[in-house]
Amino acid sequence: MLTIMLLVVLGILSVFVQMLALNGASQGQGMTAMGISLACQGAGTILLGVFAGWFTRLAITKFNWSRIIAVAAAVFLATLFGGGISFLSVLLSIPLAGIQ
């Protein structure tokens, strides 16, 4: 749950940054770029939420980590990957929307 909440906050911040970056673009192109970016971030959030749960169970059962360390590591890794996905989705959505 914590991973998903952090990724949603990161996604909201990413949308605000993308709004600033798309200031000179037309409204249609800007909305297309933001839609593509949000779709990528939404899919990433769902997949990384599943990854965090899987990694936590794996770290506890196979590697005998304590629960607190396993959860902290899973949240950190998923949030780090989510930040990368968020950044890449903004970079990829702008050319895909046809903005030069």
PDB file of N, CA and C in Angstrom:
ATOM      1  N   MET A   1       0.816  -1.189   0.000  1.00  0.00           N
ATOM      2  CA  MET A   1       0.000   0.000   0.000  1.00  0.00           C
ATOM      3  C   MET A   1       0.862   1.256   0.000  1.00  0.00           C
ATOM      4  N   LEU A   2       1.905   1.252   0.817  1.00  0.00           N
ATOM      5  CA  LEU A   2       2.777   2.415   0.906  1.00  0.00           C
ATOM      6  C   LEU A   2       3.445   2.697  -0.434  1.00  0.00           C
ATOM      7  N   THR A   3       3.845   1.654  -1.127  1.00  0.00           N
ATOM      8  CA  THR A   3       4.472   1.830  -2.433  1.00  0.00           C
ATOM      9  C   THR A   3       3.518   2.495  -3.411  1.00  0.00           C
ATOM     10  N   ILE A   4       2.291   2.032  -3.449  1.00  0.00           N
ATOM     11  CA  ILE A   4       1.312   2.596  -4.376  1.00  0.00           C
ATOM     12  C   ILE A   4       1.017   4.052  -4.027  1.00  0.00           C
ATOM     13  N   MET A   5       0.901   4.362  -2.744  1.00  0.00           N
ATOM     14  CA  MET A   5       0.650   5.756  -2.354  1.00  0.00           C
ATOM     15  C   MET A   5       1.817   6.652  -2.744  1.00  0.00           C
ATOM     16  N   LEU A   6       3.042   6.196  -2.533  1.00  0.00           N
ATOM     17  CA  LEU A   6       4.207   6.991  -2.927  1.00  0.00           C
ATOM     18  C   LEU A   6       4.280   7.182  -4.434  1.00  0.00           C
ATOM     19  N   LEU A   7       3.943   6.145  -5.182  1.00  0.00           N
ATOM     20  CA  LEU A   7       3.977   6.257  -6.634  1.00  0.00           C
ATOM     21  C   LEU A   7       2.868   7.160  -7.165  1.00  0.00           C
ATOM     22  N   VAL A   8       1.732   7.181  -6.513  1.00  0.00           N
ATOM     23  CA  VAL A   8       0.661   8.104  -6.911  1.00  0.00           C
ATOM     24  C   VAL A   8       1.094   9.547  -6.667  1.00  0.00           C
ATOM     25  N   VAL A   9       1.713   9.817  -5.525  1.00  0.00           N
ATOM     26  CA  VAL A   9       2.218  11.165  -5.247  1.00  0.00           C
ATOM     27  C   VAL A   9       3.291  11.545  -6.261  1.00  0.00           C
ATOM     28  N   LEU A  10       4.172  10.610  -6.581  1.00  0.00           N
ATOM     29  CA  LEU A  10       5.204  10.862  -7.582  1.00  0.00           C
ATOM     30  C   LEU A  10       4.580  11.116  -8.952  1.00  0.00           C
ATOM     31  N   GLY A  11       3.530  10.395  -9.282  1.00  0.00           N
ATOM     32  CA  GLY A  11       2.829  10.606 -10.551  1.00  0.00           C
ATOM     33  C   GLY A  11       2.178  11.976 -10.626  1.00  0.00           C
ATOM     34  N   ILE A  12       1.590  12.429  -9.520  1.00  0.00           N
ATOM     35  CA  ILE A  12       0.972  13.758  -9.486  1.00  0.00           C
ATOM     36  C   ILE A  12       2.028  14.836  -9.686  1.00  0.00           C
ATOM     37  N   LEU A  13       3.159  14.697  -9.014  1.00  0.00           N
ATOM     38  CA  LEU A  13       4.248  15.656  -9.211  1.00  0.00           C
ATOM     39  C   LEU A  13       4.769  15.624 -10.642  1.00  0.00           C
ATOM     40  N   SER A  14       4.828  14.451 -11.230  1.00  0.00           N
ATOM     41  CA  SER A  14       5.271  14.321 -12.608  1.00  0.00           C
ATOM     42  C   SER A  14       4.322  15.027 -13.569  1.00  0.00           C
ATOM     43  N   VAL A  15       3.025  14.938 -13.313  1.00  0.00           N
ATOM     44  CA  VAL A  15       2.046  15.612 -14.161  1.00  0.00           C
ATOM     45  C   VAL A  15       2.218  17.127 -14.071  1.00  0.00           C
ATOM     46  N   PHE A  16       2.455  17.651 -12.880  1.00  0.00           N
ATOM     47  CA  PHE A  16       2.676  19.090 -12.744  1.00  0.00           C
ATOM     48  C   PHE A  16       3.929  19.540 -13.481  1.00  0.00           C
ATOM     49  N   VAL A  17       4.992  18.755 -13.388  1.00  0.00           N
ATOM     50  CA  VAL A  17       6.224  19.089 -14.111  1.00  0.00           C
ATOM     51  C   VAL A  17       5.982  19.016 -15.618  1.00  0.00           C
ATOM     52  N   GLN A  18       5.221  18.028 -16.047  1.00  0.00           N
ATOM     53  CA  GLN A  18       4.936  17.896 -17.469  1.00  0.00           C
ATOM     54  C   GLN A  18       4.066  19.052 -17.959  1.00  0.00           C
ATOM     55  N   MET A  19       3.155  19.533 -17.138  1.00  0.00           N
ATOM     56  CA  MET A  19       2.366  20.703 -17.523  1.00  0.00           C
ATOM     57  C   MET A  19       3.262  21.904 -17.774  1.00  0.00           C
ATOM     58  N   LEU A  20       4.258  22.085 -16.920  1.00  0.00           N
ATOM     59  CA  LEU A  20       5.198  23.188 -17.110  1.00  0.00           C
ATOM     60  C   LEU A  20       6.041  22.989 -18.363  1.00  0.00           C
ATOM     61  N   ALA A  21       6.435  21.750 -18.632  1.00  0.00           N
ATOM     62  CA  ALA A  21       7.257  21.470 -19.803  1.00  0.00           C
ATOM     63  C   ALA A  21       6.476  21.654 -21.099  1.00  0.00           C
ATOM     64  N   LEU A  22       5.175  21.399 -21.061  1.00  0.00           N
ATOM     65  CA  LEU A  22       4.341  21.492 -22.258  1.00  0.00           C
ATOM     66  C   LEU A  22       3.651  22.846 -22.393  1.00  0.00           C
ATOM     67  N   ASN A  23       4.185  23.854 -21.782  1.00  0.00           N
ATOM     68  CA  ASN A  23       3.551  25.162 -21.755  1.00  0.00           C
ATOM     69  C   ASN A  23       3.315  25.738 -23.145  1.00  0.00           C
ATOM     70  N   GLY A  24       4.223  25.534 -24.097  1.00  0.00           N
ATOM     71  CA  GLY A  24       4.083  26.113 -25.429  1.00  0.00           C
ATOM     72  C   GLY A  24       3.353  25.231 -26.425  1.00  0.00           C
ATOM     73  N   ALA A  25       2.988  24.033 -26.051  1.00  0.00           N
ATOM     74  CA  ALA A  25       2.332  23.106 -26.975  1.00  0.00           C
ATOM     75  C   ALA A  25       0.843  23.411 -27.062  1.00  0.00           C
ATOM     76  N   SER A  26       0.220  22.926 -28.135  1.00  0.00           N
ATOM     77  CA  SER A  26      -1.225  23.105 -28.265  1.00  0.00           C
ATOM     78  C   SER A  26      -1.940  22.234 -27.230  1.00  0.00           C
ATOM     79  N   GLN A  27      -3.201  22.562 -27.002  1.00  0.00           N
ATOM     80  CA  GLN A  27      -3.944  21.837 -25.972  1.00  0.00           C
ATOM     81  C   GLN A  27      -4.140  20.374 -26.350  1.00  0.00           C
ATOM     82  N   GLY A  28      -4.414  20.094 -27.606  1.00  0.00           N
ATOM     83  CA  GLY A  28      -4.616  18.705 -28.042  1.00  0.00           C
ATOM     84  C   GLY A  28      -3.361  17.873 -27.897  1.00  0.00           C
ATOM     85  N   GLN A  29      -2.239  18.435 -28.312  1.00  0.00           N
ATOM     86  CA  GLN A  29      -0.988  17.703 -28.186  1.00  0.00           C
ATOM     87  C   GLN A  29      -0.593  17.528 -26.726  1.00  0.00           C
ATOM     88  N   GLY A  30      -0.819  18.560 -25.925  1.00  0.00           N
ATOM     89  CA  GLY A  30      -0.491  18.475 -24.503  1.00  0.00           C
ATOM     90  C   GLY A  30      -1.318  17.432 -23.784  1.00  0.00           C
ATOM     91  N   MET A  31      -2.607  17.386 -24.088  1.00  0.00           N
ATOM     92  CA  MET A  31      -3.469  16.393 -23.441  1.00  0.00           C
ATOM     93  C   MET A  31      -3.109  14.975 -23.892  1.00  0.00           C
ATOM     94  N   THR A  32      -2.739  14.826 -25.167  1.00  0.00           N
ATOM     95  CA  THR A  32      -2.314  13.512 -25.652  1.00  0.00           C
ATOM     96  C   THR A  32      -1.045  13.067 -24.933  1.00  0.00           C
ATOM     97  N   ALA A  33      -0.082  13.968 -24.813  1.00  0.00           N
ATOM     98  CA  ALA A  33       1.173  13.634 -24.127  1.00  0.00           C
ATOM     99  C   ALA A  33       0.921  13.285 -22.668  1.00  0.00           C
ATOM    100  N   MET A  34       0.072  14.039 -21.996  1.00  0.00           N
ATOM    101  CA  MET A  34      -0.213  13.735 -20.584  1.00  0.00           C
ATOM    102  C   MET A  34      -0.980  12.431 -20.441  1.00  0.00           C
ATOM    103  N   GLY A  35      -1.871  12.134 -21.389  1.00  0.00           N
ATOM    104  CA  GLY A  35      -2.599  10.867 -21.345  1.00  0.00           C
ATOM    105  C   GLY A  35      -1.681   9.672 -21.512  1.00  0.00           C
ATOM    106  N   ILE A  36      -0.747   9.767 -22.459  1.00  0.00           N
ATOM    107  CA  ILE A  36       0.225   8.692 -22.662  1.00  0.00           C
ATOM    108  C   ILE A  36       1.077   8.510 -21.413  1.00  0.00           C
ATOM    109  N   SER A  37       1.518   9.627 -20.859  1.00  0.00           N
ATOM    110  CA  SER A  37       2.354   9.566 -19.658  1.00  0.00           C
ATOM    111  C   SER A  37       1.599   8.945 -18.481  1.00  0.00           C
ATOM    112  N   LEU A  38       0.359   9.347 -18.284  1.00  0.00           N
ATOM    113  CA  LEU A  38      -0.425   8.796 -17.174  1.00  0.00           C
ATOM    114  C   LEU A  38      -0.729   7.319 -17.370  1.00  0.00           C
ATOM    115  N   ALA A  39      -0.946   6.892 -18.612  1.00  0.00           N
ATOM    116  CA  ALA A  39      -1.179   5.466 -18.871  1.00  0.00           C
ATOM    117  C   ALA A  39       0.067   4.647 -18.513  1.00  0.00           C
ATOM    118  N   CYS A  40       1.239   5.139 -18.915  1.00  0.00           N
ATOM    119  CA  CYS A  40       2.488   4.432 -18.577  1.00  0.00           C
ATOM    120  C   CYS A  40       2.707   4.403 -17.067  1.00  0.00           C
ATOM    121  N   GLN A  41       2.453   5.518 -16.412  1.00  0.00           N
ATOM    122  CA  GLN A  41       2.655   5.578 -14.968  1.00  0.00           C
ATOM    123  C   GLN A  41       1.645   4.708 -14.230  1.00  0.00           C
ATOM    124  N   GLY A  42       0.416   4.645 -14.708  1.00  0.00           N
ATOM    125  CA  GLY A  42      -0.588   3.798 -14.070  1.00  0.00           C
ATOM    126  C   GLY A  42      -0.232   2.328 -14.175  1.00  0.00           C
ATOM    127  N   ALA A  43       0.202   1.910 -15.375  1.00  0.00           N
ATOM    128  CA  ALA A  43       0.613   0.517 -15.544  1.00  0.00           C
ATOM    129  C   ALA A  43       1.839   0.210 -14.684  1.00  0.00           C
ATOM    130  N   GLY A  44       2.766   1.145 -14.628  1.00  0.00           N
ATOM    131  CA  GLY A  44       3.953   0.955 -13.797  1.00  0.00           C
ATOM    132  C   GLY A  44       3.614   0.871 -12.323  1.00  0.00           C
ATOM    133  N   THR A  45       2.667   1.685 -11.874  1.00  0.00           N
ATOM    134  CA  THR A  45       2.262   1.667 -10.472  1.00  0.00           C
ATOM    135  C   THR A  45       1.657   0.317 -10.095  1.00  0.00           C
ATOM    136  N   ILE A  46       0.809  -0.212 -10.952  1.00  0.00           N
ATOM    137  CA  ILE A  46       0.192  -1.511 -10.673  1.00  0.00           C
ATOM    138  C   ILE A  46       1.257  -2.614 -10.638  1.00  0.00           C
ATOM    139  N   LEU A  47       2.129  -2.622 -11.645  1.00  0.00           N
ATOM    140  CA  LEU A  47       3.167  -3.658 -11.702  1.00  0.00           C
ATOM    141  C   LEU A  47       4.146  -3.543 -10.540  1.00  0.00           C
ATOM    142  N   LEU A  48       4.504  -2.320 -10.166  1.00  0.00           N
ATOM    143  CA  LEU A  48       5.451  -2.155  -9.064  1.00  0.00           C
ATOM    144  C   LEU A  48       4.810  -2.446  -7.711  1.00  0.00           C
ATOM    145  N   GLY A  49       3.503  -2.253  -7.581  1.00  0.00           N
ATOM    146  CA  GLY A  49       2.816  -2.670  -6.362  1.00  0.00           C
ATOM    147  C   GLY A  49       2.861  -4.174  -6.200  1.00  0.00           C
ATOM    148  N   VAL A  50       2.659  -4.889  -7.307  1.00  0.00           N
ATOM    149  CA  VAL A  50       2.763  -6.352  -7.286  1.00  0.00           C
ATOM    150  C   VAL A  50       4.203  -6.770  -6.993  1.00  0.00           C
ATOM    151  N   PHE A  51       5.166  -6.076  -7.613  1.00  0.00           N
ATOM    152  CA  PHE A  51       6.580  -6.379  -7.377  1.00  0.00           C
ATOM    153  C   PHE A  51       6.950  -6.194  -5.908  1.00  0.00           C
ATOM    154  N   ALA A  52       6.458  -5.128  -5.290  1.00  0.00           N
ATOM    155  CA  ALA A  52       6.797  -4.874  -3.881  1.00  0.00           C
ATOM    156  C   ALA A  52       6.278  -6.001  -2.988  1.00  0.00           C
ATOM    157  N   GLY A  53       5.064  -6.468  -3.246  1.00  0.00           N
ATOM    158  CA  GLY A  53       4.539  -7.589  -2.467  1.00  0.00           C
ATOM    159  C   GLY A  53       5.320  -8.872  -2.691  1.00  0.00           C
ATOM    160  N   TRP A  54       5.661  -9.140  -3.944  1.00  0.00           N
ATOM    161  CA  TRP A  54       6.437 -10.339  -4.270  1.00  0.00           C
ATOM    162  C   TRP A  54       7.824 -10.288  -3.645  1.00  0.00           C
ATOM    163  N   PHE A  55       8.479  -9.127  -3.757  1.00  0.00           N
ATOM    164  CA  PHE A  55       9.828  -9.004  -3.220  1.00  0.00           C
ATOM    165  C   PHE A  55       9.825  -9.122  -1.695  1.00  0.00           C
ATOM    166  N   THR A  56       8.811  -8.581  -1.044  1.00  0.00           N
ATOM    167  CA  THR A  56       8.726  -8.681   0.406  1.00  0.00           C
ATOM    168  C   THR A  56       8.601 -10.137   0.842  1.00  0.00           C
ATOM    169  N   ARG A  57       7.689 -10.874   0.190  1.00  0.00           N
ATOM    170  CA  ARG A  57       7.530 -12.294   0.526  1.00  0.00           C
ATOM    171  C   ARG A  57       8.805 -13.080   0.246  1.00  0.00           C
ATOM    172  N   LEU A  58       9.456 -12.797  -0.873  1.00  0.00           N
ATOM    173  CA  LEU A  58      10.694 -13.487  -1.217  1.00  0.00           C
ATOM    174  C   LEU A  58      11.789 -13.207  -0.199  1.00  0.00           C
ATOM    175  N   ALA A  59      11.947 -11.965   0.188  1.00  0.00           N
ATOM    176  CA  ALA A  59      13.010 -11.599   1.142  1.00  0.00           C
ATOM    177  C   ALA A  59      12.769 -12.224   2.509  1.00  0.00           C
ATOM    178  N   ILE A  60      11.505 -12.319   2.918  1.00  0.00           N
ATOM    179  CA  ILE A  60      11.195 -12.899   4.230  1.00  0.00           C
ATOM    180  C   ILE A  60      11.356 -14.418   4.211  1.00  0.00           C
ATOM    181  N   THR A  61      10.815 -15.082   3.199  1.00  0.00           N
ATOM    182  CA  THR A  61      10.817 -16.547   3.202  1.00  0.00           C
ATOM    183  C   THR A  61      12.137 -17.149   2.747  1.00  0.00           C
ATOM    184  N   LYS A  62      12.712 -16.636   1.676  1.00  0.00           N
ATOM    185  CA  LYS A  62      13.912 -17.265   1.122  1.00  0.00           C
ATOM    186  C   LYS A  62      15.189 -16.762   1.779  1.00  0.00           C
ATOM    187  N   PHE A  63      15.277 -15.465   2.029  1.00  0.00           N
ATOM    188  CA  PHE A  63      16.513 -14.892   2.550  1.00  0.00           C
ATOM    189  C   PHE A  63      16.476 -14.625   4.053  1.00  0.00           C
ATOM    190  N   ASN A  64      15.354 -14.915   4.705  1.00  0.00           N
ATOM    191  CA  ASN A  64      15.180 -14.762   6.149  1.00  0.00           C
ATOM    192  C   ASN A  64      15.482 -13.349   6.647  1.00  0.00           C
ATOM    193  N   TRP A  65      15.064 -12.341   5.876  1.00  0.00           N
ATOM    194  CA  TRP A  65      15.202 -10.953   6.329  1.00  0.00           C
ATOM    195  C   TRP A  65      14.112 -10.682   7.351  1.00  0.00           C
ATOM    196  N   SER A  66      14.345  -9.698   8.202  1.00  0.00           N
ATOM    197  CA  SER A  66      13.276  -9.302   9.114  1.00  0.00           C
ATOM    198  C   SER A  66      12.189  -8.591   8.298  1.00  0.00           C
ATOM    199  N   ARG A  67      10.996  -8.575   8.830  1.00  0.00           N
ATOM    200  CA  ARG A  67       9.870  -8.001   8.087  1.00  0.00           C
ATOM    201  C   ARG A  67      10.048  -6.519   7.812  1.00  0.00           C
ATOM    202  N   ILE A  68      10.573  -5.796   8.783  1.00  0.00           N
ATOM    203  CA  ILE A  68      10.747  -4.348   8.618  1.00  0.00           C
ATOM    204  C   ILE A  68      11.758  -4.057   7.507  1.00  0.00           C
ATOM    205  N   ILE A  69      12.869  -4.766   7.496  1.00  0.00           N
ATOM    206  CA  ILE A  69      13.889  -4.549   6.473  1.00  0.00           C
ATOM    207  C   ILE A  69      13.369  -4.961   5.096  1.00  0.00           C
ATOM    208  N   ALA A  70      12.637  -6.057   5.035  1.00  0.00           N
ATOM    209  CA  ALA A  70      12.104  -6.520   3.753  1.00  0.00           C
ATOM    210  C   ALA A  70      11.110  -5.518   3.178  1.00  0.00           C
ATOM    211  N   VAL A  71      10.233  -5.002   4.014  1.00  0.00           N
ATOM    212  CA  VAL A  71       9.246  -4.016   3.541  1.00  0.00           C
ATOM    213  C   VAL A  71       9.938  -2.725   3.126  1.00  0.00           C
ATOM    214  N   ALA A  72      10.886  -2.263   3.929  1.00  0.00           N
ATOM    215  CA  ALA A  72      11.599  -1.027   3.598  1.00  0.00           C
ATOM    216  C   ALA A  72      12.356  -1.167   2.280  1.00  0.00           C
ATOM    217  N   ALA A  73      13.015  -2.303   2.074  1.00  0.00           N
ATOM    218  CA  ALA A  73      13.751  -2.519   0.824  1.00  0.00           C
ATOM    219  C   ALA A  73      12.806  -2.588  -0.368  1.00  0.00           C
ATOM    220  N   ALA A  74      11.674  -3.272  -0.203  1.00  0.00           N
ATOM    221  CA  ALA A  74      10.713  -3.392  -1.301  1.00  0.00           C
ATOM    222  C   ALA A  74      10.121  -2.034  -1.660  1.00  0.00           C
ATOM    223  N   VAL A  75       9.758  -1.248  -0.654  1.00  0.00           N
ATOM    224  CA  VAL A  75       9.200   0.082  -0.920  1.00  0.00           C
ATOM    225  C   VAL A  75      10.239   0.972  -1.582  1.00  0.00           C
ATOM    226  N   PHE A  76      11.477   0.915  -1.092  1.00  0.00           N
ATOM    227  CA  PHE A  76      12.536   1.738  -1.678  1.00  0.00           C
ATOM    228  C   PHE A  76      12.787   1.362  -3.132  1.00  0.00           C
ATOM    229  N   LEU A  77      12.943   0.070  -3.413  1.00  0.00           N
ATOM    230  CA  LEU A  77      13.211  -0.362  -4.784  1.00  0.00           C
ATOM    231  C   LEU A  77      12.062  -0.041  -5.724  1.00  0.00           C
ATOM    232  N   ALA A  78      10.830  -0.313  -5.294  1.00  0.00           N
ATOM    233  CA  ALA A  78       9.681  -0.046  -6.148  1.00  0.00           C
ATOM    234  C   ALA A  78       9.520   1.451  -6.403  1.00  0.00           C
ATOM    235  N   THR A  79       9.758   2.279  -5.390  1.00  0.00           N
ATOM    236  CA  THR A  79       9.648   3.719  -5.575  1.00  0.00           C
ATOM    237  C   THR A  79      10.763   4.231  -6.480  1.00  0.00           C
ATOM    238  N   LEU A  80      11.941   3.678  -6.352  1.00  0.00           N
ATOM    239  CA  LEU A  80      13.052   4.064  -7.220  1.00  0.00           C
ATOM    240  C   LEU A  80      12.757   3.705  -8.675  1.00  0.00           C
ATOM    241  N   PHE A  81      12.293   2.484  -8.914  1.00  0.00           N
ATOM    242  CA  PHE A  81      11.926   2.081 -10.275  1.00  0.00           C
ATOM    243  C   PHE A  81      10.753   2.917 -10.787  1.00  0.00           C
ATOM    244  N   GLY A  82       9.801   3.227  -9.915  1.00  0.00           N
ATOM    245  CA  GLY A  82       8.662   4.052 -10.299  1.00  0.00           C
ATOM    246  C   GLY A  82       9.075   5.458 -10.706  1.00  0.00           C
ATOM    247  N   GLY A  83      10.060   6.003 -10.009  1.00  0.00           N
ATOM    248  CA  GLY A  83      10.581   7.310 -10.397  1.00  0.00           C
ATOM    249  C   GLY A  83      11.222   7.273 -11.769  1.00  0.00           C
ATOM    250  N   GLY A  84      11.938   6.196 -12.047  1.00  0.00           N
ATOM    251  CA  GLY A  84      12.528   6.034 -13.375  1.00  0.00           C
ATOM    252  C   GLY A  84      11.479   5.885 -14.458  1.00  0.00           C
ATOM    253  N   ILE A  85      10.435   5.107 -14.172  1.00  0.00           N
ATOM    254  CA  ILE A  85       9.345   4.942 -15.134  1.00  0.00           C
ATOM    255  C   ILE A  85       8.626   6.271 -15.354  1.00  0.00           C
ATOM    256  N   SER A  86       8.423   7.021 -14.294  1.00  0.00           N
ATOM    257  CA  SER A  86       7.768   8.322 -14.406  1.00  0.00           C
ATOM    258  C   SER A  86       8.579   9.263 -15.285  1.00  0.00           C
ATOM    259  N   PHE A  87       9.884   9.310 -15.055  1.00  0.00           N
ATOM    260  CA  PHE A  87      10.754  10.173 -15.846  1.00  0.00           C
ATOM    261  C   PHE A  87      10.754   9.748 -17.314  1.00  0.00           C
ATOM    262  N   LEU A  88      10.880   8.446 -17.572  1.00  0.00           N
ATOM    263  CA  LEU A  88      10.886   7.957 -18.945  1.00  0.00           C
ATOM    264  C   LEU A  88       9.546   8.161 -19.635  1.00  0.00           C
ATOM    265  N   SER A  89       8.451   8.033 -18.895  1.00  0.00           N
ATOM    266  CA  SER A  89       7.141   8.222 -19.519  1.00  0.00           C
ATOM    267  C   SER A  89       6.946   9.666 -19.964  1.00  0.00           C
ATOM    268  N   VAL A  90       7.474  10.610 -19.202  1.00  0.00           N
ATOM    269  CA  VAL A  90       7.393  12.021 -19.615  1.00  0.00           C
ATOM    270  C   VAL A  90       8.253  12.236 -20.857  1.00  0.00           C
ATOM    271  N   LEU A  91       9.464  11.685 -20.853  1.00  0.00           N
ATOM    272  CA  LEU A  91      10.349  11.865 -22.010  1.00  0.00           C
ATOM    273  C   LEU A  91       9.803  11.205 -23.271  1.00  0.00           C
ATOM    274  N   LEU A  92       9.161  10.053 -23.145  1.00  0.00           N
ATOM    275  CA  LEU A  92       8.639   9.354 -24.313  1.00  0.00           C
ATOM    276  C   LEU A  92       7.300   9.902 -24.791  1.00  0.00           C
ATOM    277  N   SER A  93       6.495  10.442 -23.889  1.00  0.00           N
ATOM    278  CA  SER A  93       5.167  10.899 -24.281  1.00  0.00           C
ATOM    279  C   SER A  93       5.216  12.161 -25.141  1.00  0.00           C
ATOM    280  N   ILE A  94       6.214  12.983 -24.958  1.00  0.00           N
ATOM    281  CA  ILE A  94       6.292  14.239 -25.717  1.00  0.00           C
ATOM    282  C   ILE A  94       6.513  13.965 -27.210  1.00  0.00           C
ATOM    283  N   PRO A  95       7.499  13.149 -27.619  1.00  0.00           N
ATOM    284  CA  PRO A  95       7.620  12.878 -29.055  1.00  0.00           C
ATOM    285  C   PRO A  95       6.462  12.026 -29.608  1.00  0.00           C
ATOM    286  N   LEU A  96       5.904  11.140 -28.769  1.00  0.00           N
ATOM    287  CA  LEU A  96       4.786  10.323 -29.254  1.00  0.00           C
ATOM    288  C   LEU A  96       3.542  11.159 -29.539  1.00  0.00           C
ATOM    289  N   ALA A  97       3.406  12.283 -28.846  1.00  0.00           N
ATOM    290  CA  ALA A  97       2.264  13.166 -29.084  1.00  0.00           C
ATOM    291  C   ALA A  97       2.499  14.087 -30.282  1.00  0.00           C
ATOM    292  N   GLY A  98       3.682  14.032 -30.868  1.00  0.00           N
ATOM    293  CA  GLY A  98       3.969  14.846 -32.037  1.00  0.00           C
ATOM    294  C   GLY A  98       4.483  16.233 -31.719  1.00  0.00           C
ATOM    295  N   ILE A  99       5.003  16.430 -30.538  1.00  0.00           N
ATOM    296  CA  ILE A  99       5.525  17.738 -30.139  1.00  0.00           C
ATOM    297  C   ILE A  99       7.017  17.770 -30.465  1.00  0.00           C
ATOM    298  N   GLN A 100       7.419  18.785 -31.227  1.00  0.00           N
ATOM    299  CA  GLN A 100       8.840  18.919 -31.587  1.00  0.00           C
ATOM    300  C   GLN A 100       9.547  19.785 -30.602  1.00  0.00           C
TER     301      GLN A 100
END
